[in-house]
């Protein structure tokens, strides 16, 4: 009797390899990084909102016998730039939030196109540059303006025994204090964006 022929078995090496789930440690690290990224986005968003509210409500009013003068952030070009940076930062951060939330909940990005990783990477770098310049403009302009006013008031009091700028100095001290607070929240947004930028760089490196 002839032996029954056994059908040829496919080469195991030739069989397509099924995608294996990532190791538990790698999945845990990715989940933790996604949570950190979301928290940073939320802190950035809140800081920018607070900074914007403070800067647009920064004003001072001087009442004289014949005229009342009001100064607000629009009168200082550096503060206008700070407001523009805040608005751009808010728009970008709000656009990034849905993706960060989706990544934490499902572990999958909102957009599967690899080009989104590059957009995320470049967007964080552009935002970081804008926030850095906004922080510098806010602190620099406030410090210079306050120092010039204080020096001018000291000269008037010492040289001319005049307190004509004393009341203005008090009012503008409150004005500059609010500007400093706004700049402080902008600085917080800048610092959180630095960490977000590092995370986006790490993600892009892993996918490369």
Protein backbone atom coordinates (compact mmCIF):
# COMPACT_ATOMS: atom_id res chain seq x y z
CA UNK A 1 0.00 0.00 0.00
CA UNK A 2 1.18 3.45 -0.73
CA UNK A 3 1.51 5.84 2.14
CA UNK A 4 -1.00 8.65 2.32
CA UNK A 5 0.62 11.86 1.24
CA UNK A 6 0.68 14.69 3.73
CA UNK A 7 -0.12 18.08 2.21
CA UNK A 8 2.85 20.42 2.32
CA UNK A 9 2.85 22.69 5.32
CA UNK A 10 3.51 26.39 4.69
CA UNK A 11 6.85 27.57 5.85
CA UNK A 12 6.45 29.14 9.27
CA UNK A 13 8.94 31.83 8.36
CA UNK A 14 6.83 32.72 5.33
CA UNK A 15 3.68 33.22 7.37
CA UNK A 16 2.79 36.87 7.94
CA UNK A 17 3.62 37.98 11.42
CA UNK A 18 0.70 39.35 13.36
CA UNK A 19 1.21 42.70 15.02
CA UNK A 20 2.11 42.15 18.61
CA UNK A 21 0.87 44.49 21.32
CA UNK A 22 3.56 46.65 22.88
CA UNK A 23 5.23 45.31 26.01
CA UNK A 24 3.48 46.26 29.26
CA UNK A 25 6.33 48.54 30.34
CA UNK A 26 6.33 50.42 27.04
CA UNK A 27 2.53 50.76 27.08
CA UNK A 28 2.62 52.03 30.66
CA UNK A 29 5.30 54.59 29.78
CA UNK A 30 3.30 55.78 26.76
CA UNK A 31 0.13 56.09 28.88
CA UNK A 32 1.97 58.06 31.54
CA UNK A 33 3.48 60.37 28.92
CA UNK A 34 0.03 60.97 27.41
CA UNK A 35 -1.41 61.89 30.83
CA UNK A 36 1.49 64.27 31.53
CA UNK A 37 1.04 65.88 28.09
CA UNK A 38 -2.69 66.43 28.73
CA UNK A 39 -2.06 67.96 32.16
CA UNK A 40 0.53 70.30 30.66
CA UNK A 41 -1.88 71.37 27.91
CA UNK A 42 -4.56 72.15 30.50
CA UNK A 43 -2.14 74.16 32.65
CA UNK A 44 -0.98 76.07 29.58
CA UNK A 45 -4.56 76.82 28.55
CA UNK A 46 -5.61 78.02 32.01
CA UNK A 47 -2.47 80.15 32.40
CA UNK A 48 -3.05 81.82 29.03
CA UNK A 49 -6.70 82.52 29.86
CA UNK A 50 -5.78 84.13 33.19
CA UNK A 51 -2.94 86.11 31.60
CA UNK A 52 -5.29 87.38 28.89
CA UNK A 53 -8.00 88.44 31.34
CA UNK A 54 -5.51 90.32 33.49
CA UNK A 55 -3.75 92.12 30.64
CA UNK A 56 -6.99 93.34 29.01
CA UNK A 57 -8.25 94.68 32.35
CA UNK A 58 -4.98 96.47 33.15
CA UNK A 59 -5.73 100.21 33.29
CA UNK A 60 -5.21 103.29 35.41
CA UNK A 61 -7.21 106.52 35.71
CA UNK A 62 -5.88 109.91 36.80
CA UNK A 63 -8.37 112.55 37.82
CA UNK A 64 -7.36 116.20 37.62
CA UNK A 65 -9.31 119.40 38.24
CA UNK A 66 -10.05 119.85 34.55
CA UNK A 67 -9.46 116.50 32.89
CA UNK A 68 -9.45 112.77 33.51
CA UNK A 69 -6.84 110.63 31.79
CA UNK A 70 -7.09 106.86 31.44
CA UNK A 71 -4.24 104.55 30.46
CA UNK A 72 -4.82 100.93 29.44
CA UNK A 73 -2.81 98.14 27.87
CA UNK A 74 -3.60 99.37 24.34
CA UNK A 75 -1.41 102.40 24.96
CA UNK A 76 1.70 100.23 25.26
CA UNK A 77 2.74 98.30 22.15
CA UNK A 78 4.53 95.61 24.13
CA UNK A 79 1.28 94.76 25.93
CA UNK A 80 -0.55 94.55 22.61
CA UNK A 81 2.03 92.01 21.51
CA UNK A 82 1.54 90.07 24.74
CA UNK A 83 -2.21 89.92 24.06
CA UNK A 84 -1.58 88.68 20.51
CA UNK A 85 0.75 85.96 21.80
CA UNK A 86 -1.87 84.93 24.37
CA UNK A 87 -4.57 84.64 21.72
CA UNK A 88 -2.38 82.60 19.37
CA UNK A 89 -1.35 80.35 22.24
CA UNK A 90 -4.99 79.83 23.24
CA UNK A 91 -6.02 78.89 19.71
CA UNK A 92 -3.18 76.41 19.28
CA UNK A 93 -3.63 74.82 22.71
CA UNK A 94 -7.39 74.39 22.20
CA UNK A 95 -6.72 72.69 18.87
CA UNK A 96 -4.31 70.28 20.59
CA UNK A 97 -6.58 69.37 23.50
CA UNK A 98 -8.93 66.93 21.63
CA UNK A 99 -5.96 64.86 20.47
CA UNK A 100 -4.44 64.79 23.97
CA UNK A 101 -7.77 63.74 25.52
CA UNK A 102 -8.29 61.00 22.90
CA UNK A 103 -4.77 59.69 23.50
CA UNK A 104 -5.37 59.39 27.26
CA UNK A 105 -8.79 57.72 26.92
CA UNK A 106 -8.16 55.27 24.10
CA UNK A 107 -4.40 55.21 23.74
CA UNK A 108 -4.76 56.20 20.09
CA UNK A 109 -4.10 59.61 18.55
CA UNK A 110 -6.98 61.56 17.07
CA UNK A 111 -5.18 61.75 13.73
CA UNK A 112 -3.40 58.65 12.41
CA UNK A 113 -1.56 60.49 9.66
CA UNK A 114 2.19 60.56 10.47
CA UNK A 115 2.23 64.15 9.28
CA UNK A 116 0.33 65.10 12.43
CA UNK A 117 3.36 64.18 14.53
CA UNK A 118 5.42 66.65 12.52
CA UNK A 119 2.69 69.29 12.88
CA UNK A 120 2.65 68.63 16.63
CA UNK A 121 6.43 68.87 16.79
CA UNK A 122 6.74 72.08 14.74
CA UNK A 123 3.67 73.68 16.34
CA UNK A 124 5.11 73.27 19.82
CA UNK A 125 8.38 74.86 18.71
CA UNK A 126 6.61 77.86 17.15
CA UNK A 127 4.41 78.32 20.22
CA UNK A 128 7.47 78.08 22.45
CA UNK A 129 9.20 80.86 20.49
CA UNK A 130 6.14 83.11 20.65
CA UNK A 131 5.67 82.60 24.38
CA UNK A 132 9.35 83.26 25.05
CA UNK A 133 9.20 86.56 23.16
CA UNK A 134 5.92 87.47 24.89
CA UNK A 135 7.39 86.86 28.34
CA UNK A 136 10.44 88.95 27.47
CA UNK A 137 8.31 91.79 26.10
CA UNK A 138 5.97 91.81 29.12
CA UNK A 139 8.64 91.77 31.80
CA UNK A 140 11.03 94.04 29.88
CA UNK A 141 8.51 96.76 29.07
CA UNK A 142 7.02 96.74 32.58
CA UNK A 143 10.40 96.94 34.26
CA UNK A 144 11.65 99.76 32.03
CA UNK A 145 8.47 101.84 32.28
CA UNK A 146 8.26 101.49 36.05
CA UNK A 147 11.93 102.36 36.53
CA UNK A 148 11.69 105.44 34.29
CA UNK A 149 8.62 106.69 36.14
CA UNK A 150 10.20 106.09 39.56
CA UNK A 151 13.40 107.86 38.53
CA UNK A 152 11.46 110.81 37.15
CA UNK A 153 9.40 111.13 40.33
CA UNK A 154 12.54 110.99 42.48
CA UNK A 155 14.12 113.77 40.42
CA UNK A 156 11.06 115.97 40.78
CA UNK A 157 11.00 115.47 44.55
CA UNK A 158 14.72 115.90 45.15
CA UNK A 159 15.49 118.68 42.69
CA UNK A 160 12.25 120.67 42.63
CA UNK A 161 10.56 119.57 45.88
CA UNK A 162 7.51 118.67 43.82
CA UNK A 163 5.14 115.75 44.29
CA UNK A 164 3.34 116.28 41.02
CA UNK A 165 4.13 112.71 39.93
CA UNK A 166 3.54 111.07 43.30
CA UNK A 167 -0.15 110.30 42.70
CA UNK A 168 0.54 109.13 39.16
CA UNK A 169 3.32 106.92 40.48
CA UNK A 170 0.97 105.24 42.96
CA UNK A 171 -1.67 104.62 40.30
CA UNK A 172 0.84 103.27 37.80
CA UNK A 173 2.39 101.03 40.43
CA UNK A 174 -0.95 99.20 40.54
CA UNK A 175 -1.00 99.21 36.73
CA UNK A 176 2.47 97.68 36.52
CA UNK A 177 1.72 95.18 39.27
CA UNK A 178 -1.15 93.75 37.22
CA UNK A 179 1.10 93.64 34.17
CA UNK A 180 3.66 91.68 36.19
CA UNK A 181 0.99 89.17 37.27
CA UNK A 182 -0.12 88.73 33.65
CA UNK A 183 3.48 88.19 32.62
CA UNK A 184 3.88 85.66 35.44
CA UNK A 185 1.04 83.50 34.14
CA UNK A 186 2.48 83.81 30.65
CA UNK A 187 5.77 82.55 32.07
CA UNK A 188 3.97 79.51 33.54
CA UNK A 189 2.51 78.78 30.10
CA UNK A 190 6.00 79.09 28.63
CA UNK A 191 7.49 76.64 31.14
CA UNK A 192 4.76 74.04 30.60
CA UNK A 193 5.18 74.44 26.85
CA UNK A 194 8.86 73.63 27.19
CA UNK A 195 7.99 70.24 28.68
CA UNK A 196 5.28 69.70 26.04
CA UNK A 197 7.86 70.43 23.36
CA UNK A 198 10.23 67.86 24.87
CA UNK A 199 7.47 65.24 24.91
CA UNK A 200 6.53 65.89 21.27
CA UNK A 201 10.22 65.56 20.35
CA UNK A 202 10.42 62.19 22.15
CA UNK A 203 7.27 60.92 20.43
CA UNK A 204 8.56 61.93 17.01
CA UNK A 205 11.90 60.23 17.74
CA UNK A 206 10.17 56.98 18.70
CA UNK A 207 8.06 56.98 15.54
CA UNK A 208 11.04 57.75 13.30
